[in-house]
Amino acid sequence: MKKVAILQSNYIPWKGYFDLINMVDEFIIYDEMQYTRRDWRNRNKIKTSQGLLWLTIPVEVKGKYFQKINETLVSDNDWAKQHWASIKQFYSKAKYFNEYKDRFEEFYLNNSEKYLTGINCTLIDLVNKILGIETKISMSSDYQLSDGKTERLVNLVQQANGTEYISGPAAKDYIDEKLFDDAGIKLSWMDYSGYKEYTQLFPPFEHGVSVLDLIFNEGSDALKYLKSFAYGE
């Protein structure tokens, strides 16, 4: 049995993204998809004393209506220092900020990556190491891509020798479940409901923020708030 998930890369994703990674044996980053504006690819939210704050990586989009995520370039090199200044300002009083800040500061102050995919993948890898997630991470470009939305997913899972595909719930709008059934692949749906609240600065509590919030506030106890760790014990 081999479980596979396929998702586009996101910028410092929320905890559910990492929960899905930890639930599968191989996680395929699907960055040959078209880049979508005002989405999670280049931005995410953190908590502040004034409410939620979007941290957005500026990217080149003018005239590039059909560019892929892995073709998307950063348009302003100062973004990383600005993001780190905001993260440090609003999380410096979090219980475990000092324990993890050096690893993130190293990235933000020394980042020279020009492509959005490279930035996202580097940070996803960093968070995986902190959380102890050892899932194999691969890129869709490592495989041959076929035509058709569902057909392409089925084919990717087959190439990865997967027997089960775990999908995010948003894909229910377009996935043809019969194609998975015909291929002998079990189709499961990720459930992002029912997460427990943790210690968080600046109430009220908000689940839909970057995983940095969980790490800085709970440290190694962050695992207790991920279903794939705590709920499987």
C-alpha atoms as a PDB file:
ATOM      1  CA  MET A   1       0.000   0.000   0.000  1.00  0.00           C
ATOM      2  CA  LYS A   2       1.301   3.444  -0.926  1.00  0.00           C
ATOM      3  CA  LYS A   3      -0.543   6.691  -0.273  1.00  0.00           C
ATOM      4  CA  VAL A   4       0.047   9.691  -2.535  1.00  0.00           C
ATOM      5  CA  ALA A   5      -1.076  13.327  -2.387  1.00  0.00           C
ATOM      6  CA  ILE A   6      -0.643  15.978  -5.082  1.00  0.00           C
ATOM      7  CA  LEU A   7      -0.845  19.716  -4.367  1.00  0.00           C
ATOM      8  CA  GLN A   8       0.596  22.983  -5.618  1.00  0.00           C
ATOM      9  CA  SER A   9       3.242  24.576  -3.435  1.00  0.00           C
ATOM     10  CA  ASN A  10       2.033  27.284  -1.054  1.00  0.00           C
ATOM     11  CA  TYR A  11       3.948  29.983   0.791  1.00  0.00           C
ATOM     12  CA  ILE A  12       4.509  29.018   4.462  1.00  0.00           C
ATOM     13  CA  PRO A  13       1.296  26.933   4.380  1.00  0.00           C
ATOM     14  CA  TRP A  14      -1.129  26.375   7.241  1.00  0.00           C
ATOM     15  CA  LYS A  15      -0.938  23.296   9.486  1.00  0.00           C
ATOM     16  CA  GLY A  16      -3.414  21.282   7.397  1.00  0.00           C
ATOM     17  CA  TYR A  17      -1.005  21.279   4.458  1.00  0.00           C
ATOM     18  CA  PHE A  18       1.664  19.596   6.565  1.00  0.00           C
ATOM     19  CA  ASP A  19      -0.876  17.219   8.050  1.00  0.00           C
ATOM     20  CA  LEU A  20      -1.638  16.002   4.535  1.00  0.00           C
ATOM     21  CA  ILE A  21       2.065  15.622   3.737  1.00  0.00           C
ATOM     22  CA  ASN A  22       2.513  13.482   6.847  1.00  0.00           C
ATOM     23  CA  MET A  23      -0.468  11.276   5.977  1.00  0.00           C
ATOM     24  CA  VAL A  24       1.045  10.010   2.722  1.00  0.00           C
ATOM     25  CA  ASP A  25       4.124   8.118   1.581  1.00  0.00           C
ATOM     26  CA  GLU A  26       4.842  10.475  -1.316  1.00  0.00           C
ATOM     27  CA  PHE A  27       3.789  14.091  -1.722  1.00  0.00           C
ATOM     28  CA  ILE A  28       3.984  15.429  -5.274  1.00  0.00           C
ATOM     29  CA  ILE A  29       4.302  19.193  -5.664  1.00  0.00           C
ATOM     30  CA  TYR A  30       2.183  20.076  -8.674  1.00  0.00           C
ATOM     31  CA  ASP A  31       3.892  23.301  -9.767  1.00  0.00           C
ATOM     32  CA  GLU A  32       3.367  22.792 -13.473  1.00  0.00           C
ATOM     33  CA  MET A  33      -0.126  24.112 -12.917  1.00  0.00           C
ATOM     34  CA  GLN A  34      -1.052  27.640 -14.021  1.00  0.00           C
ATOM     35  CA  TYR A  35      -0.185  30.318 -11.462  1.00  0.00           C
ATOM     36  CA  THR A  36      -3.343  31.812  -9.958  1.00  0.00           C
ATOM     37  CA  ARG A  37      -3.494  35.322  -8.531  1.00  0.00           C
ATOM     38  CA  ARG A  38      -4.844  36.127  -5.059  1.00  0.00           C
ATOM     39  CA  ASP A  39      -4.289  32.533  -4.014  1.00  0.00           C
ATOM     40  CA  TRP A  40      -2.065  30.722  -1.507  1.00  0.00           C
ATOM     41  CA  ARG A  41       0.863  30.229  -3.891  1.00  0.00           C
ATOM     42  CA  ASN A  42       2.629  33.450  -2.929  1.00  0.00           C
ATOM     43  CA  ARG A  43       0.959  34.560   0.278  1.00  0.00           C
ATOM     44  CA  ASN A  44      -0.267  33.519   3.705  1.00  0.00           C
ATOM     45  CA  LYS A  45      -1.525  35.030   6.936  1.00  0.00           C
ATOM     46  CA  ILE A  46       0.011  35.582  10.362  1.00  0.00           C
ATOM     47  CA  LYS A  47      -1.576  36.878  13.551  1.00  0.00           C
ATOM     48  CA  THR A  48      -0.819  40.375  14.808  1.00  0.00           C
ATOM     49  CA  SER A  49      -2.035  42.652  17.571  1.00  0.00           C
ATOM     50  CA  GLN A  50      -4.117  44.450  14.918  1.00  0.00           C
ATOM     51  CA  GLY A  51      -5.635  41.289  13.460  1.00  0.00           C
ATOM     52  CA  LEU A  52      -4.634  39.049  10.557  1.00  0.00           C
ATOM     53  CA  LEU A  53      -1.823  40.231   8.271  1.00  0.00           C
ATOM     54  CA  TRP A  54      -1.177  38.951   4.753  1.00  0.00           C
ATOM     55  CA  LEU A  55       2.473  38.309   3.927  1.00  0.00           C
ATOM     56  CA  THR A  56       2.673  38.397   0.132  1.00  0.00           C
ATOM     57  CA  ILE A  57       5.651  37.637  -2.095  1.00  0.00           C
ATOM     58  CA  PRO A  58       5.566  40.129  -5.003  1.00  0.00           C
ATOM     59  CA  VAL A  59       5.755  38.263  -8.311  1.00  0.00           C
ATOM     60  CA  GLU A  60       5.851  39.145 -11.994  1.00  0.00           C
ATOM     61  CA  VAL A  61       2.374  38.739 -13.470  1.00  0.00           C
ATOM     62  CA  LYS A  62       1.921  41.554 -16.006  1.00  0.00           C
ATOM     63  CA  GLY A  63       1.187  40.025 -19.383  1.00  0.00           C
ATOM     64  CA  LYS A  64       1.908  36.512 -18.050  1.00  0.00           C
ATOM     65  CA  TYR A  65      -1.627  35.200 -17.993  1.00  0.00           C
ATOM     66  CA  PHE A  66      -0.783  31.550 -18.529  1.00  0.00           C
ATOM     67  CA  GLN A  67       2.525  31.176 -16.726  1.00  0.00           C
ATOM     68  CA  LYS A  68       3.027  28.105 -14.574  1.00  0.00           C
ATOM     69  CA  ILE A  69       3.788  28.301 -10.873  1.00  0.00           C
ATOM     70  CA  ASN A  70       7.319  27.031 -11.474  1.00  0.00           C
ATOM     71  CA  GLU A  71       7.854  29.798 -14.059  1.00  0.00           C
ATOM     72  CA  THR A  72       6.775  32.600 -11.714  1.00  0.00           C
ATOM     73  CA  LEU A  73       9.524  35.045 -10.784  1.00  0.00           C
ATOM     74  CA  VAL A  74       9.830  37.329  -7.751  1.00  0.00           C
ATOM     75  CA  SER A  75       9.527  41.006  -8.698  1.00  0.00           C
ATOM     76  CA  ASP A  76      11.026  42.682  -5.611  1.00  0.00           C
ATOM     77  CA  ASN A  77      14.050  41.279  -3.803  1.00  0.00           C
ATOM     78  CA  ASP A  78      13.320  43.128  -0.558  1.00  0.00           C
ATOM     79  CA  TRP A  79      10.250  41.009   0.247  1.00  0.00           C
ATOM     80  CA  ALA A  80      12.109  38.493   2.439  1.00  0.00           C
ATOM     81  CA  LYS A  81      13.583  41.053   4.823  1.00  0.00           C
ATOM     82  CA  GLN A  82      10.200  42.760   5.086  1.00  0.00           C
ATOM     83  CA  HIS A  83       8.427  39.497   5.854  1.00  0.00           C
ATOM     84  CA  TRP A  84      10.987  38.554   8.489  1.00  0.00           C
ATOM     85  CA  ALA A  85      10.631  41.952  10.151  1.00  0.00           C
ATOM     86  CA  SER A  86       6.866  41.390  10.458  1.00  0.00           C
ATOM     87  CA  ILE A  87       7.259  37.818  11.710  1.00  0.00           C
ATOM     88  CA  LYS A  88       9.812  38.912  14.304  1.00  0.00           C
ATOM     89  CA  GLN A  89       7.698  41.866  15.408  1.00  0.00           C
ATOM     90  CA  PHE A  90       4.562  39.845  16.089  1.00  0.00           C
ATOM     91  CA  TYR A  91       6.016  36.507  17.255  1.00  0.00           C
ATOM     92  CA  SER A  92       8.987  37.628  19.348  1.00  0.00           C
ATOM     93  CA  LYS A  93       6.926  37.095  22.504  1.00  0.00           C
ATOM     94  CA  ALA A  94       5.699  33.638  21.500  1.00  0.00           C
ATOM     95  CA  LYS A  95       6.956  30.963  23.890  1.00  0.00           C
ATOM     96  CA  TYR A  96       9.144  29.087  21.394  1.00  0.00           C
ATOM     97  CA  PHE A  97      10.114  31.876  19.014  1.00  0.00           C
ATOM     98  CA  ASN A  98      13.720  32.013  20.205  1.00  0.00           C
ATOM     99  CA  GLU A  99      14.074  28.254  19.822  1.00  0.00           C
ATOM    100  CA  TYR A 100      13.261  28.334  16.105  1.00  0.00           C
ATOM    101  CA  LYS A 101      13.987  31.873  14.945  1.00  0.00           C
ATOM    102  CA  ASP A 102      17.563  31.248  13.793  1.00  0.00           C
ATOM    103  CA  ARG A 103      16.464  28.663  11.212  1.00  0.00           C
ATOM    104  CA  PHE A 104      13.917  30.968   9.663  1.00  0.00           C
ATOM    105  CA  GLU A 105      16.070  34.070   9.971  1.00  0.00           C
ATOM    106  CA  GLU A 106      18.836  32.306   8.041  1.00  0.00           C
ATOM    107  CA  PHE A 107      16.448  31.788   5.136  1.00  0.00           C
ATOM    108  CA  TYR A 108      14.802  35.205   5.145  1.00  0.00           C
ATOM    109  CA  LEU A 109      17.971  37.257   5.493  1.00  0.00           C
ATOM    110  CA  ASN A 110      20.065  35.213   3.076  1.00  0.00           C
ATOM    111  CA  ASN A 111      17.489  34.229   0.480  1.00  0.00           C
ATOM    112  CA  SER A 112      18.606  34.646  -3.132  1.00  0.00           C
ATOM    113  CA  GLU A 113      15.982  32.433  -4.798  1.00  0.00           C
ATOM    114  CA  LYS A 114      14.266  34.158  -7.742  1.00  0.00           C
ATOM    115  CA  TYR A 115      11.522  31.626  -8.451  1.00  0.00           C
ATOM    116  CA  LEU A 116       8.400  31.251  -6.321  1.00  0.00           C
ATOM    117  CA  THR A 117       8.552  27.455  -6.414  1.00  0.00           C
ATOM    118  CA  GLY A 118      12.098  27.451  -5.047  1.00  0.00           C
ATOM    119  CA  ILE A 119      11.089  29.712  -2.155  1.00  0.00           C
ATOM    120  CA  ASN A 120       8.024  27.656  -1.286  1.00  0.00           C
ATOM    121  CA  CYS A 121       9.809  24.316  -1.496  1.00  0.00           C
ATOM    122  CA  THR A 122      12.710  25.485   0.644  1.00  0.00           C
ATOM    123  CA  LEU A 123      10.355  26.638   3.395  1.00  0.00           C
ATOM    124  CA  ILE A 124       8.202  23.497   3.157  1.00  0.00           C
ATOM    125  CA  ASP A 125      11.359  21.400   3.557  1.00  0.00           C
ATOM    126  CA  LEU A 126      12.437  23.488   6.549  1.00  0.00           C
ATOM    127  CA  VAL A 127       9.088  23.052   8.299  1.00  0.00           C
ATOM    128  CA  ASN A 128       9.064  19.318   7.523  1.00  0.00           C
ATOM    129  CA  LYS A 129      12.425  18.984   9.262  1.00  0.00           C
ATOM    130  CA  ILE A 130      11.187  20.912  12.305  1.00  0.00           C
ATOM    131  CA  LEU A 131       8.043  18.776  12.572  1.00  0.00           C
ATOM    132  CA  GLY A 132       9.885  15.527  11.885  1.00  0.00           C
ATOM    133  CA  ILE A 133       7.968  14.760   8.690  1.00  0.00           C
ATOM    134  CA  GLU A 134       9.912  12.281   6.555  1.00  0.00           C
ATOM    135  CA  THR A 135       7.511  11.869   3.628  1.00  0.00           C
ATOM    136  CA  LYS A 136       9.150  11.658   0.202  1.00  0.00           C
ATOM    137  CA  ILE A 137       8.687  14.976  -1.623  1.00  0.00           C
ATOM    138  CA  SER A 138       8.799  14.940  -5.410  1.00  0.00           C
ATOM    139  CA  MET A 139       7.888  17.337  -8.196  1.00  0.00           C
ATOM    140  CA  SER A 140       5.318  16.781 -10.934  1.00  0.00           C
ATOM    141  CA  SER A 141       8.132  17.570 -13.373  1.00  0.00           C
ATOM    142  CA  ASP A 142       9.788  14.317 -12.253  1.00  0.00           C
ATOM    143  CA  TYR A 143       6.968  12.482 -14.052  1.00  0.00           C
ATOM    144  CA  GLN A 144       5.283  12.448 -17.453  1.00  0.00           C
ATOM    145  CA  LEU A 145       2.085  14.509 -17.462  1.00  0.00           C
ATOM    146  CA  SER A 146      -0.984  13.370 -19.379  1.00  0.00           C
ATOM    147  CA  ASP A 147      -4.003  15.387 -20.527  1.00  0.00           C
ATOM    148  CA  GLY A 148      -7.207  15.797 -18.523  1.00  0.00           C
ATOM    149  CA  LYS A 149      -7.599  17.037 -14.949  1.00  0.00           C
ATOM    150  CA  THR A 150      -8.496  13.758 -13.296  1.00  0.00           C
ATOM    151  CA  GLU A 151      -6.634  11.635 -15.852  1.00  0.00           C
ATOM    152  CA  ARG A 152      -3.415  13.476 -15.030  1.00  0.00           C
ATOM    153  CA  LEU A 153      -3.820  12.863 -11.297  1.00  0.00           C
ATOM    154  CA  VAL A 154      -4.567   9.172 -11.835  1.00  0.00           C
ATOM    155  CA  ASN A 155      -1.535   8.862 -14.094  1.00  0.00           C
ATOM    156  CA  LEU A 156       0.757  10.583 -11.599  1.00  0.00           C
ATOM    157  CA  VAL A 157      -0.350   8.234  -8.834  1.00  0.00           C
ATOM    158  CA  GLN A 158       0.224   5.250 -11.122  1.00  0.00           C
ATOM    159  CA  GLN A 159       3.727   6.448 -12.038  1.00  0.00           C
ATOM    160  CA  ALA A 160       4.487   6.827  -8.329  1.00  0.00           C
ATOM    161  CA  ASN A 161       3.235   3.260  -7.781  1.00  0.00           C
ATOM    162  CA  GLY A 162       0.521   4.568  -5.482  1.00  0.00           C
ATOM    163  CA  THR A 163      -2.498   2.538  -4.414  1.00  0.00           C
ATOM    164  CA  GLU A 164      -4.381   5.335  -2.641  1.00  0.00           C
ATOM    165  CA  TYR A 165      -4.790   9.010  -3.475  1.00  0.00           C
ATOM    166  CA  ILE A 166      -5.662  11.470  -0.709  1.00  0.00           C
ATOM    167  CA  SER A 167      -7.161  14.651  -2.126  1.00  0.00           C
ATOM    168  CA  GLY A 168      -7.978  18.004  -0.644  1.00  0.00           C
ATOM    169  CA  PRO A 169     -11.735  18.576  -0.297  1.00  0.00           C
ATOM    170  CA  ALA A 170     -11.818  21.450  -2.825  1.00  0.00           C
ATOM    171  CA  ALA A 171     -11.113  18.990  -5.640  1.00  0.00           C
ATOM    172  CA  LYS A 172     -14.536  17.384  -5.167  1.00  0.00           C
ATOM    173  CA  ASP A 173     -15.789  20.024  -7.601  1.00  0.00           C
ATOM    174  CA  TYR A 174     -13.908  18.525 -10.542  1.00  0.00           C
ATOM    175  CA  ILE A 175     -12.514  15.059  -9.774  1.00  0.00           C
ATOM    176  CA  ASP A 176     -14.106  12.178 -11.658  1.00  0.00           C
ATOM    177  CA  GLU A 177     -14.098   9.495  -8.976  1.00  0.00           C
ATOM    178  CA  LYS A 178     -14.871   6.739 -11.482  1.00  0.00           C
ATOM    179  CA  LEU A 179     -11.485   7.182 -13.147  1.00  0.00           C
ATOM    180  CA  PHE A 180      -9.730   6.367  -9.877  1.00  0.00           C
ATOM    181  CA  ASP A 181     -12.016   3.384  -9.353  1.00  0.00           C
ATOM    182  CA  ASP A 182     -11.365   2.126 -12.870  1.00  0.00           C
ATOM    183  CA  ALA A 183      -7.611   2.367 -12.247  1.00  0.00           C
ATOM    184  CA  GLY A 184      -7.892   0.387  -9.004  1.00  0.00           C
ATOM    185  CA  ILE A 185      -6.769   3.374  -6.918  1.00  0.00           C
ATOM    186  CA  LYS A 186      -8.542   4.144  -3.667  1.00  0.00           C
ATOM    187  CA  LEU A 187      -9.687   7.782  -3.484  1.00  0.00           C
ATOM    188  CA  SER A 188      -9.830   9.374  -0.016  1.00  0.00           C
ATOM    189  CA  TRP A 189     -10.671  12.922   1.013  1.00  0.00           C
ATOM    190  CA  MET A 190      -8.679  14.967   3.491  1.00  0.00           C
ATOM    191  CA  ASP A 191     -10.809  16.254   6.368  1.00  0.00           C
ATOM    192  CA  TYR A 192      -9.621  19.618   7.661  1.00  0.00           C
ATOM    193  CA  SER A 193     -12.342  19.931  10.306  1.00  0.00           C
ATOM    194  CA  GLY A 194     -12.049  19.340  14.041  1.00  0.00           C
ATOM    195  CA  TYR A 195      -8.592  20.724  14.723  1.00  0.00           C
ATOM    196  CA  LYS A 196      -7.933  21.486  18.372  1.00  0.00           C
ATOM    197  CA  GLU A 197      -7.114  25.014  19.452  1.00  0.00           C
ATOM    198  CA  TYR A 198      -3.649  25.718  20.843  1.00  0.00           C
ATOM    199  CA  THR A 199      -2.013  28.570  22.707  1.00  0.00           C
ATOM    200  CA  GLN A 200      -2.141  31.563  20.368  1.00  0.00           C
ATOM    201  CA  LEU A 201      -1.261  35.218  20.717  1.00  0.00           C
ATOM    202  CA  PHE A 202      -3.793  37.958  19.982  1.00  0.00           C
ATOM    203  CA  PRO A 203      -7.263  36.414  20.418  1.00  0.00           C
ATOM    204  CA  PRO A 204      -9.690  35.391  19.026  1.00  0.00           C
ATOM    205  CA  PHE A 205      -8.305  32.043  17.898  1.00  0.00           C
ATOM    206  CA  GLU A 206      -7.755  31.530  14.160  1.00  0.00           C
ATOM    207  CA  HIS A 207      -6.978  28.160  12.533  1.00  0.00           C
ATOM    208  CA  GLY A 208      -6.310  29.489   9.036  1.00  0.00           C
ATOM    209  CA  VAL A 209      -2.885  31.018   9.518  1.00  0.00           C
ATOM    210  CA  SER A 210       0.642  29.977   8.562  1.00  0.00           C
ATOM    211  CA  VAL A 211       2.121  26.954  10.327  1.00  0.00           C
ATOM    212  CA  LEU A 212       4.716  29.373  11.753  1.00  0.00           C
ATOM    213  CA  ASP A 213       2.053  30.406  14.262  1.00  0.00           C
ATOM    214  CA  LEU A 214       1.768  26.843  15.592  1.00  0.00           C
ATOM    215  CA  ILE A 215       5.530  26.276  15.682  1.00  0.00           C
ATOM    216  CA  PHE A 216       6.368  29.510  17.506  1.00  0.00           C
ATOM    217  CA  ASN A 217       3.558  29.071  20.038  1.00  0.00           C
ATOM    218  CA  GLU A 218       3.783  25.335  20.750  1.00  0.00           C
ATOM    219  CA  GLY A 219       7.304  24.254  19.805  1.00  0.00           C
ATOM    220  CA  SER A 220       7.701  20.459  19.802  1.00  0.00           C
ATOM    221  CA  ASP A 221       4.137  20.175  21.123  1.00  0.00           C
ATOM    222  CA  ALA A 222       2.948  21.367  17.696  1.00  0.00           C
ATOM    223  CA  LEU A 223       2.623  17.699  16.742  1.00  0.00           C
ATOM    224  CA  LYS A 224      -0.192  17.290  19.267  1.00  0.00           C
ATOM    225  CA  TYR A 225      -2.327  19.600  17.140  1.00  0.00           C
ATOM    226  CA  LEU A 226      -1.868  17.722  13.879  1.00  0.00           C
ATOM    227  CA  LYS A 227      -4.237  14.816  13.216  1.00  0.00           C
ATOM    228  CA  SER A 228      -1.595  12.686  11.528  1.00  0.00           C
ATOM    229  CA  PHE A 229       0.493  12.671  14.708  1.00  0.00           C
ATOM    230  CA  ALA A 230      -1.774  13.040  17.725  1.00  0.00           C
ATOM    231  CA  TYR A 231      -4.911  11.420  16.355  1.00  0.00           C
ATOM    232  CA  GLY A 232      -3.101   8.289  15.261  1.00  0.00           C
ATOM    233  CA  GLU A 233      -1.565   7.513  18.624  1.00  0.00           C
END
